[in-house]
């Protein structure tokens, strides 16, 4: 896609995140299943439901732009997911839980950065409904990151340190 205007970039990056979120919808169930800590498994499962809502919001934005989702593949998310799969090969359950948090937080930070940019683009483009939808998603991504940090600082990292 030619990126000649801010709107071109906006559409391109909305499509990129649409694909990223769809990749996560396919990946999060395996992460939740791999978690031995029940609170971590619940946090991942809860975020799966939010991720499905993120896909719907992005589809709503694309409809408002009168643009299809296209065939864009988010290479960054693909790489983060592949790296996460490698981390899931940890030898003990305690260390594996830390690896799940590590992989999930890398994803959250990528999403927070991207949704922050998208929200700014939408604001500059005077797409106030999009700003509202993107703010909602951005808030959920930040809350998911905070939850993961809380779990890590709770007992998960300490248990792995003694494994």
N, C-alpha and C. Protein backbone atom coordinates (compact mmCIF):
# COMPACT_ATOMS: atom_id res chain seq x y z
N UNK A 1 0.84 -1.18 0.00
CA UNK A 1 0.00 0.00 0.00
C UNK A 1 0.89 1.25 0.00
N UNK A 2 0.52 2.19 -0.83
CA UNK A 2 1.23 3.46 -0.89
C UNK A 2 0.86 4.30 0.34
N UNK A 3 1.86 4.84 1.01
CA UNK A 3 1.63 5.66 2.20
C UNK A 3 1.98 7.11 1.89
N UNK A 4 1.04 7.80 1.25
CA UNK A 4 1.27 9.18 0.83
C UNK A 4 0.68 10.19 1.80
N UNK A 5 -0.28 9.75 2.62
CA UNK A 5 -0.95 10.67 3.54
C UNK A 5 -1.05 10.03 4.92
N UNK A 6 -1.36 10.86 5.90
CA UNK A 6 -1.58 10.33 7.25
C UNK A 6 -2.75 9.34 7.26
N UNK A 7 -3.76 9.63 6.46
CA UNK A 7 -4.89 8.69 6.39
C UNK A 7 -4.45 7.35 5.81
N UNK A 8 -3.57 7.36 4.82
CA UNK A 8 -3.04 6.10 4.28
C UNK A 8 -2.35 5.30 5.38
N UNK A 9 -1.51 5.98 6.16
CA UNK A 9 -0.81 5.32 7.26
C UNK A 9 -1.80 4.81 8.29
N UNK A 10 -2.80 5.61 8.60
CA UNK A 10 -3.82 5.23 9.57
C UNK A 10 -4.53 3.94 9.14
N UNK A 11 -4.98 3.89 7.91
CA UNK A 11 -5.67 2.69 7.40
C UNK A 11 -4.73 1.50 7.42
N UNK A 12 -3.50 1.70 6.98
CA UNK A 12 -2.51 0.62 6.97
C UNK A 12 -2.30 0.06 8.38
N UNK A 13 -2.16 0.93 9.35
CA UNK A 13 -1.88 0.48 10.71
C UNK A 13 -3.12 -0.08 11.40
N UNK A 14 -4.30 0.38 11.04
CA UNK A 14 -5.53 -0.25 11.55
C UNK A 14 -5.60 -1.68 11.02
N UNK A 15 -5.31 -1.87 9.76
CA UNK A 15 -5.29 -3.21 9.17
C UNK A 15 -4.24 -4.09 9.84
N UNK A 16 -3.06 -3.51 10.10
CA UNK A 16 -1.98 -4.23 10.76
C UNK A 16 -2.43 -4.72 12.14
N UNK A 17 -3.05 -3.83 12.91
CA UNK A 17 -3.50 -4.22 14.26
C UNK A 17 -4.67 -5.19 14.19
N UNK A 18 -5.50 -5.07 13.17
CA UNK A 18 -6.60 -6.03 13.00
C UNK A 18 -6.03 -7.44 12.87
N UNK A 19 -5.01 -7.56 12.04
CA UNK A 19 -4.37 -8.86 11.88
C UNK A 19 -3.65 -9.28 13.15
N UNK A 20 -2.99 -8.34 13.82
CA UNK A 20 -2.28 -8.66 15.07
C UNK A 20 -3.25 -9.22 16.11
N UNK A 21 -4.38 -8.57 16.26
CA UNK A 21 -5.36 -9.02 17.26
C UNK A 21 -5.94 -10.38 16.87
N UNK A 22 -6.14 -10.62 15.59
CA UNK A 22 -6.64 -11.92 15.15
C UNK A 22 -5.60 -13.02 15.43
N UNK A 23 -4.32 -12.69 15.25
CA UNK A 23 -3.28 -13.66 15.59
C UNK A 23 -3.33 -13.99 17.09
N UNK A 24 -3.57 -12.97 17.90
CA UNK A 24 -3.65 -13.19 19.35
C UNK A 24 -4.85 -14.03 19.74
N UNK A 25 -5.96 -13.83 19.08
CA UNK A 25 -7.15 -14.64 19.37
C UNK A 25 -6.84 -16.13 19.17
N UNK A 26 -6.00 -16.43 18.20
CA UNK A 26 -5.62 -17.83 17.95
C UNK A 26 -4.56 -18.32 18.94
N UNK A 27 -3.78 -17.42 19.53
CA UNK A 27 -2.65 -17.79 20.37
C UNK A 27 -2.95 -17.82 21.87
N UNK A 28 -3.78 -16.90 22.34
CA UNK A 28 -4.02 -16.77 23.78
C UNK A 28 -4.58 -18.03 24.45
N UNK A 29 -5.43 -18.81 23.79
CA UNK A 29 -5.90 -20.04 24.47
C UNK A 29 -4.77 -20.99 24.85
N UNK A 30 -3.76 -21.13 24.00
CA UNK A 30 -2.63 -22.00 24.31
C UNK A 30 -1.81 -21.43 25.47
N UNK A 31 -1.69 -20.11 25.52
CA UNK A 31 -0.95 -19.49 26.63
C UNK A 31 -1.69 -19.72 27.95
N UNK A 32 -3.00 -19.56 27.93
CA UNK A 32 -3.79 -19.77 29.15
C UNK A 32 -3.67 -21.23 29.60
N UNK A 33 -3.72 -22.13 28.66
CA UNK A 33 -3.62 -23.56 28.99
C UNK A 33 -2.24 -23.91 29.54
N UNK A 34 -1.21 -23.24 29.06
CA UNK A 34 0.17 -23.53 29.49
C UNK A 34 0.47 -22.98 30.88
N UNK A 35 -0.33 -22.02 31.34
CA UNK A 35 -0.08 -21.41 32.66
C UNK A 35 -0.43 -22.38 33.78
N UNK A 36 0.46 -22.52 34.75
CA UNK A 36 0.16 -23.37 35.91
C UNK A 36 -0.47 -22.55 37.03
N UNK A 37 -0.17 -21.25 37.07
CA UNK A 37 -0.76 -20.39 38.08
C UNK A 37 -2.20 -20.07 37.66
N UNK A 38 -3.18 -20.40 38.50
CA UNK A 38 -4.58 -20.19 38.09
C UNK A 38 -4.93 -18.72 37.84
N UNK A 39 -4.35 -17.80 38.61
CA UNK A 39 -4.63 -16.38 38.40
C UNK A 39 -4.08 -15.90 37.05
N UNK A 40 -2.93 -16.44 36.66
CA UNK A 40 -2.36 -16.09 35.36
C UNK A 40 -3.23 -16.65 34.24
N UNK A 41 -3.67 -17.88 34.39
CA UNK A 41 -4.53 -18.49 33.37
C UNK A 41 -5.82 -17.68 33.20
N UNK A 42 -6.39 -17.23 34.31
CA UNK A 42 -7.61 -16.43 34.26
C UNK A 42 -7.34 -15.08 33.60
N UNK A 43 -6.23 -14.45 33.95
CA UNK A 43 -5.89 -13.16 33.34
C UNK A 43 -5.74 -13.28 31.83
N UNK A 44 -5.09 -14.34 31.38
CA UNK A 44 -4.91 -14.55 29.93
C UNK A 44 -6.26 -14.82 29.27
N UNK A 45 -7.08 -15.65 29.91
CA UNK A 45 -8.41 -15.96 29.35
C UNK A 45 -9.29 -14.72 29.30
N UNK A 46 -9.24 -13.91 30.36
CA UNK A 46 -10.02 -12.66 30.36
C UNK A 46 -9.57 -11.74 29.24
N UNK A 47 -8.26 -11.69 29.02
CA UNK A 47 -7.76 -10.82 27.96
C UNK A 47 -8.13 -11.35 26.57
N UNK A 48 -8.31 -12.64 26.45
CA UNK A 48 -8.78 -13.21 25.18
C UNK A 48 -10.13 -12.60 24.82
N UNK A 49 -11.02 -12.50 25.79
CA UNK A 49 -12.34 -11.92 25.52
C UNK A 49 -12.20 -10.46 25.12
N UNK A 50 -11.32 -9.73 25.78
CA UNK A 50 -11.08 -8.33 25.40
C UNK A 50 -10.50 -8.26 23.99
N UNK A 51 -9.62 -9.16 23.66
CA UNK A 51 -8.98 -9.17 22.35
C UNK A 51 -10.01 -9.37 21.26
N UNK A 52 -10.98 -10.22 21.51
CA UNK A 52 -12.07 -10.40 20.54
C UNK A 52 -12.82 -9.08 20.34
N UNK A 53 -13.02 -8.34 21.42
CA UNK A 53 -13.67 -7.02 21.32
C UNK A 53 -12.79 -6.04 20.56
N UNK A 54 -11.47 -6.16 20.72
CA UNK A 54 -10.55 -5.28 19.99
C UNK A 54 -10.69 -5.51 18.48
N UNK A 55 -10.80 -6.77 18.09
CA UNK A 55 -11.01 -7.10 16.67
C UNK A 55 -12.29 -6.43 16.17
N UNK A 56 -13.36 -6.54 16.96
CA UNK A 56 -14.63 -5.95 16.55
C UNK A 56 -14.53 -4.43 16.43
N UNK A 57 -13.83 -3.79 17.37
CA UNK A 57 -13.68 -2.33 17.30
C UNK A 57 -12.90 -1.92 16.04
N UNK A 58 -11.85 -2.66 15.73
CA UNK A 58 -11.06 -2.35 14.54
C UNK A 58 -11.90 -2.55 13.28
N UNK A 59 -12.74 -3.57 13.27
CA UNK A 59 -13.64 -3.79 12.13
C UNK A 59 -14.64 -2.64 12.02
N UNK A 60 -15.10 -2.14 13.14
CA UNK A 60 -16.01 -1.00 13.15
C UNK A 60 -15.32 0.24 12.58
N UNK A 61 -14.07 0.45 12.95
CA UNK A 61 -13.31 1.59 12.41
C UNK A 61 -13.13 1.43 10.90
N UNK A 62 -12.77 0.23 10.46
CA UNK A 62 -12.59 0.00 9.02
C UNK A 62 -13.90 0.22 8.27
N UNK A 63 -15.02 -0.20 8.84
CA UNK A 63 -16.32 0.05 8.20
C UNK A 63 -16.58 1.54 8.08
N UNK A 64 -16.25 2.30 9.15
CA UNK A 64 -16.43 3.74 9.13
C UNK A 64 -15.55 4.42 8.09
N UNK A 65 -14.43 3.82 7.79
CA UNK A 65 -13.52 4.33 6.76
C UNK A 65 -13.91 3.83 5.37
N UNK A 66 -14.89 2.92 5.34
CA UNK A 66 -15.31 2.26 4.11
C UNK A 66 -14.15 1.51 3.46
N UNK A 67 -13.40 0.79 4.33
CA UNK A 67 -12.23 0.03 3.88
C UNK A 67 -12.36 -1.41 4.36
N UNK A 68 -11.99 -2.38 3.51
CA UNK A 68 -11.95 -3.77 3.98
C UNK A 68 -10.71 -3.98 4.86
N UNK A 69 -10.71 -5.07 5.59
CA UNK A 69 -9.56 -5.36 6.46
C UNK A 69 -8.32 -5.67 5.64
N UNK A 70 -8.50 -6.16 4.44
CA UNK A 70 -7.36 -6.44 3.58
C UNK A 70 -6.63 -7.71 4.00
N UNK A 71 -5.47 -7.90 3.42
CA UNK A 71 -4.69 -9.11 3.68
C UNK A 71 -3.37 -8.81 4.37
N UNK A 72 -3.31 -7.70 5.04
CA UNK A 72 -2.08 -7.30 5.72
C UNK A 72 -1.76 -8.28 6.84
N UNK A 73 -0.52 -8.68 6.94
CA UNK A 73 -0.05 -9.55 8.02
C UNK A 73 0.85 -8.72 8.93
N UNK A 74 0.56 -8.74 10.20
CA UNK A 74 1.38 -8.01 11.16
C UNK A 74 2.61 -8.86 11.46
N UNK A 75 3.72 -8.48 10.85
CA UNK A 75 4.97 -9.23 11.02
C UNK A 75 5.50 -9.11 12.43
N UNK A 76 5.30 -7.95 13.06
CA UNK A 76 5.77 -7.76 14.43
C UNK A 76 5.07 -8.72 15.38
N UNK A 77 3.76 -8.83 15.27
CA UNK A 77 3.03 -9.74 16.15
C UNK A 77 3.41 -11.18 15.87
N UNK A 78 3.58 -11.50 14.60
CA UNK A 78 4.01 -12.86 14.25
C UNK A 78 5.34 -13.18 14.95
N UNK A 79 6.27 -12.24 14.90
CA UNK A 79 7.56 -12.45 15.56
C UNK A 79 7.44 -12.57 17.06
N UNK A 80 6.62 -11.72 17.67
CA UNK A 80 6.42 -11.80 19.13
C UNK A 80 5.80 -13.13 19.53
N UNK A 81 4.86 -13.61 18.73
CA UNK A 81 4.22 -14.90 19.03
C UNK A 81 5.22 -16.04 18.88
N UNK A 82 6.03 -16.00 17.84
CA UNK A 82 7.04 -17.05 17.65
C UNK A 82 8.04 -17.05 18.80
N UNK A 83 8.47 -15.86 19.22
CA UNK A 83 9.38 -15.77 20.36
C UNK A 83 8.71 -16.30 21.63
N UNK A 84 7.44 -16.00 21.80
CA UNK A 84 6.69 -16.50 22.94
C UNK A 84 6.62 -18.02 22.96
N UNK A 85 6.45 -18.62 21.79
CA UNK A 85 6.42 -20.09 21.70
C UNK A 85 7.74 -20.69 22.17
N UNK A 86 8.83 -20.03 21.83
CA UNK A 86 10.14 -20.50 22.28
C UNK A 86 10.24 -20.42 23.80
N UNK A 87 9.73 -19.34 24.38
CA UNK A 87 9.78 -19.18 25.83
C UNK A 87 8.95 -20.24 26.55
N UNK A 88 7.91 -20.72 25.91
CA UNK A 88 7.04 -21.73 26.55
C UNK A 88 7.72 -23.09 26.67
N UNK A 89 8.94 -23.21 26.19
CA UNK A 89 9.68 -24.46 26.30
C UNK A 89 10.44 -24.55 27.62
N UNK A 90 10.17 -23.64 28.55
CA UNK A 90 10.85 -23.65 29.85
C UNK A 90 10.68 -25.00 30.53
N UNK A 91 11.68 -25.38 31.34
CA UNK A 91 11.72 -26.70 31.95
C UNK A 91 10.80 -26.88 33.16
N UNK A 92 10.50 -25.83 33.89
CA UNK A 92 9.65 -25.97 35.06
C UNK A 92 8.40 -25.10 34.91
N UNK A 93 7.34 -25.49 35.60
CA UNK A 93 6.09 -24.73 35.52
C UNK A 93 6.26 -23.32 36.05
N UNK A 94 7.03 -23.17 37.13
CA UNK A 94 7.21 -21.83 37.71
C UNK A 94 7.92 -20.90 36.73
N UNK A 95 8.96 -21.40 36.09
CA UNK A 95 9.68 -20.58 35.11
C UNK A 95 8.81 -20.36 33.88
N UNK A 96 8.03 -21.36 33.50
CA UNK A 96 7.15 -21.20 32.34
C UNK A 96 6.13 -20.08 32.58
N UNK A 97 5.62 -19.97 33.80
CA UNK A 97 4.68 -18.88 34.11
C UNK A 97 5.35 -17.52 33.94
N UNK A 98 6.60 -17.40 34.36
CA UNK A 98 7.34 -16.15 34.17
C UNK A 98 7.52 -15.89 32.68
N UNK A 99 7.80 -16.94 31.92
CA UNK A 99 7.97 -16.80 30.47
C UNK A 99 6.67 -16.35 29.81
N UNK A 100 5.54 -16.86 30.29
CA UNK A 100 4.24 -16.44 29.75
C UNK A 100 4.04 -14.95 30.00
N UNK A 101 4.35 -14.51 31.22
CA UNK A 101 4.21 -13.09 31.53
C UNK A 101 5.15 -12.26 30.65
N UNK A 102 6.37 -12.71 30.48
CA UNK A 102 7.33 -12.00 29.64
C UNK A 102 6.80 -11.85 28.22
N UNK A 103 6.36 -12.95 27.65
CA UNK A 103 5.84 -12.92 26.27
C UNK A 103 4.60 -12.03 26.18
N UNK A 104 3.71 -12.15 27.15
CA UNK A 104 2.47 -11.37 27.13
C UNK A 104 2.76 -9.88 27.29
N UNK A 105 3.71 -9.53 28.15
CA UNK A 105 4.01 -8.11 28.33
C UNK A 105 4.69 -7.51 27.10
N UNK A 106 5.50 -8.28 26.42
CA UNK A 106 6.08 -7.78 25.17
C UNK A 106 4.98 -7.45 24.17
N UNK A 107 3.99 -8.32 24.10
CA UNK A 107 2.84 -8.08 23.22
C UNK A 107 2.08 -6.84 23.67
N UNK A 108 1.80 -6.74 24.96
CA UNK A 108 1.06 -5.59 25.48
C UNK A 108 1.79 -4.29 25.17
N UNK A 109 3.09 -4.27 25.34
CA UNK A 109 3.83 -3.04 25.10
C UNK A 109 3.80 -2.65 23.62
N UNK A 110 3.86 -3.63 22.75
CA UNK A 110 3.72 -3.37 21.32
C UNK A 110 2.34 -2.78 21.02
N UNK A 111 1.33 -3.40 21.60
CA UNK A 111 -0.03 -2.92 21.37
C UNK A 111 -0.25 -1.52 21.94
N UNK A 112 0.26 -1.27 23.13
CA UNK A 112 0.11 0.05 23.75
C UNK A 112 0.76 1.11 22.85
N UNK A 113 1.95 0.84 22.35
CA UNK A 113 2.63 1.79 21.48
C UNK A 113 1.82 2.04 20.21
N UNK A 114 1.34 0.98 19.60
CA UNK A 114 0.62 1.12 18.33
C UNK A 114 -0.73 1.79 18.53
N UNK A 115 -1.48 1.37 19.55
CA UNK A 115 -2.78 2.01 19.77
C UNK A 115 -2.62 3.47 20.17
N UNK A 116 -1.55 3.81 20.85
CA UNK A 116 -1.29 5.21 21.17
C UNK A 116 -1.09 6.03 19.91
N UNK A 117 -0.32 5.49 18.97
CA UNK A 117 -0.12 6.18 17.69
C UNK A 117 -1.43 6.30 16.93
N UNK A 118 -2.18 5.20 16.85
CA UNK A 118 -3.45 5.21 16.12
C UNK A 118 -4.43 6.23 16.70
N UNK A 119 -4.45 6.30 18.03
CA UNK A 119 -5.35 7.25 18.69
C UNK A 119 -4.97 8.68 18.32
N UNK A 120 -3.67 8.96 18.25
CA UNK A 120 -3.20 10.29 17.87
C UNK A 120 -3.56 10.58 16.41
N UNK A 121 -3.34 9.61 15.53
CA UNK A 121 -3.70 9.80 14.12
C UNK A 121 -5.20 10.10 13.99
N UNK A 122 -6.02 9.33 14.69
CA UNK A 122 -7.47 9.52 14.62
C UNK A 122 -7.85 10.92 15.09
N UNK A 123 -7.20 11.39 16.12
CA UNK A 123 -7.48 12.73 16.63
C UNK A 123 -7.13 13.79 15.59
N UNK A 124 -5.96 13.68 15.00
CA UNK A 124 -5.52 14.64 13.98
C UNK A 124 -6.46 14.59 12.76
N UNK A 125 -6.95 13.41 12.44
CA UNK A 125 -7.84 13.23 11.29
C UNK A 125 -9.30 13.56 11.63
N UNK A 126 -9.54 14.03 12.85
CA UNK A 126 -10.90 14.39 13.31
C UNK A 126 -11.88 13.22 13.23
N UNK A 127 -11.41 12.05 13.61
CA UNK A 127 -12.25 10.85 13.63
C UNK A 127 -12.58 10.54 15.10
N UNK A 128 -13.46 11.35 15.65
CA UNK A 128 -13.74 11.30 17.09
C UNK A 128 -14.30 9.96 17.55
N UNK A 129 -15.13 9.31 16.76
CA UNK A 129 -15.64 8.00 17.16
C UNK A 129 -14.50 6.99 17.22
N UNK A 130 -13.57 7.09 16.28
CA UNK A 130 -12.40 6.21 16.29
C UNK A 130 -11.55 6.48 17.53
N UNK A 131 -11.40 7.76 17.88
CA UNK A 131 -10.62 8.12 19.08
C UNK A 131 -11.23 7.42 20.29
N UNK A 132 -12.55 7.46 20.41
CA UNK A 132 -13.23 6.83 21.54
C UNK A 132 -12.97 5.32 21.56
N UNK A 133 -13.10 4.67 20.41
CA UNK A 133 -12.89 3.22 20.33
C UNK A 133 -11.43 2.86 20.64
N UNK A 134 -10.52 3.63 20.09
CA UNK A 134 -9.09 3.36 20.31
C UNK A 134 -8.69 3.63 21.76
N UNK A 135 -9.26 4.67 22.37
CA UNK A 135 -9.00 4.94 23.79
C UNK A 135 -9.46 3.78 24.66
N UNK A 136 -10.62 3.23 24.33
CA UNK A 136 -11.15 2.11 25.10
C UNK A 136 -10.20 0.91 25.01
N UNK A 137 -9.73 0.63 23.82
CA UNK A 137 -8.79 -0.48 23.64
C UNK A 137 -7.47 -0.18 24.33
N UNK A 138 -6.97 1.02 24.18
CA UNK A 138 -5.70 1.40 24.81
C UNK A 138 -5.78 1.24 26.32
N UNK A 139 -6.89 1.67 26.92
CA UNK A 139 -7.08 1.51 28.37
C UNK A 139 -7.07 0.04 28.77
N UNK A 140 -7.70 -0.80 27.97
CA UNK A 140 -7.72 -2.24 28.28
C UNK A 140 -6.33 -2.86 28.15
N UNK A 141 -5.57 -2.43 27.16
CA UNK A 141 -4.21 -2.97 27.00
C UNK A 141 -3.34 -2.55 28.18
N UNK A 142 -3.46 -1.31 28.62
CA UNK A 142 -2.68 -0.84 29.77
C UNK A 142 -3.09 -1.60 31.03
N UNK A 143 -4.38 -1.85 31.20
CA UNK A 143 -4.85 -2.59 32.38
C UNK A 143 -4.34 -4.04 32.35
N UNK A 144 -4.30 -4.64 31.17
CA UNK A 144 -3.78 -6.01 31.05
C UNK A 144 -2.30 -6.04 31.43
N UNK A 145 -1.55 -5.05 30.98
CA UNK A 145 -0.13 -4.97 31.32
C UNK A 145 0.04 -4.80 32.83
N UNK A 146 -0.76 -3.93 33.43
CA UNK A 146 -0.69 -3.73 34.89
C UNK A 146 -1.02 -5.02 35.64
N UNK A 147 -2.00 -5.77 35.15
CA UNK A 147 -2.38 -7.03 35.79
C UNK A 147 -1.22 -8.03 35.72
N UNK A 148 -0.57 -8.10 34.58
CA UNK A 148 0.57 -9.02 34.44
C UNK A 148 1.71 -8.62 35.38
N UNK A 149 1.97 -7.33 35.49
CA UNK A 149 3.01 -6.85 36.41
C UNK A 149 2.65 -7.22 37.84
N UNK A 150 1.41 -7.03 38.20
CA UNK A 150 0.94 -7.37 39.55
C UNK A 150 1.12 -8.86 39.84
N UNK A 151 0.78 -9.70 38.88
CA UNK A 151 0.95 -11.14 39.07
C UNK A 151 2.43 -11.50 39.21
N UNK A 152 3.26 -10.89 38.39
CA UNK A 152 4.70 -11.16 38.45
C UNK A 152 5.27 -10.77 39.81
N UNK A 153 4.88 -9.59 40.28
CA UNK A 153 5.40 -9.09 41.55
C UNK A 153 4.77 -9.81 42.73
N UNK A 154 3.62 -10.43 42.52
CA UNK A 154 2.97 -11.17 43.59
C UNK A 154 3.85 -12.34 44.01
N UNK A 155 3.59 -13.48 43.46
CA UNK A 155 4.38 -14.65 43.85
C UNK A 155 5.05 -15.36 42.68
N UNK A 156 4.64 -15.06 41.48
CA UNK A 156 5.10 -15.84 40.32
C UNK A 156 6.61 -15.72 40.14
N UNK A 157 7.15 -14.51 40.11
CA UNK A 157 8.59 -14.36 39.91
C UNK A 157 9.38 -14.93 41.09
N UNK A 158 8.89 -14.73 42.30
CA UNK A 158 9.59 -15.24 43.48
C UNK A 158 9.65 -16.76 43.47
N UNK A 159 8.56 -17.41 43.08
CA UNK A 159 8.57 -18.88 43.01
C UNK A 159 9.55 -19.37 41.97
N UNK A 160 9.63 -18.67 40.84
CA UNK A 160 10.58 -19.08 39.79
C UNK A 160 12.02 -18.89 40.24
N UNK A 161 12.24 -17.89 41.08
CA UNK A 161 13.62 -17.63 41.55
C UNK A 161 14.16 -18.75 42.41
N UNK A 162 13.28 -19.52 43.01
CA UNK A 162 13.70 -20.63 43.88
C UNK A 162 13.55 -21.98 43.18
N UNK A 163 13.13 -21.95 41.91
CA UNK A 163 12.93 -23.22 41.18
C UNK A 163 14.25 -23.84 40.79
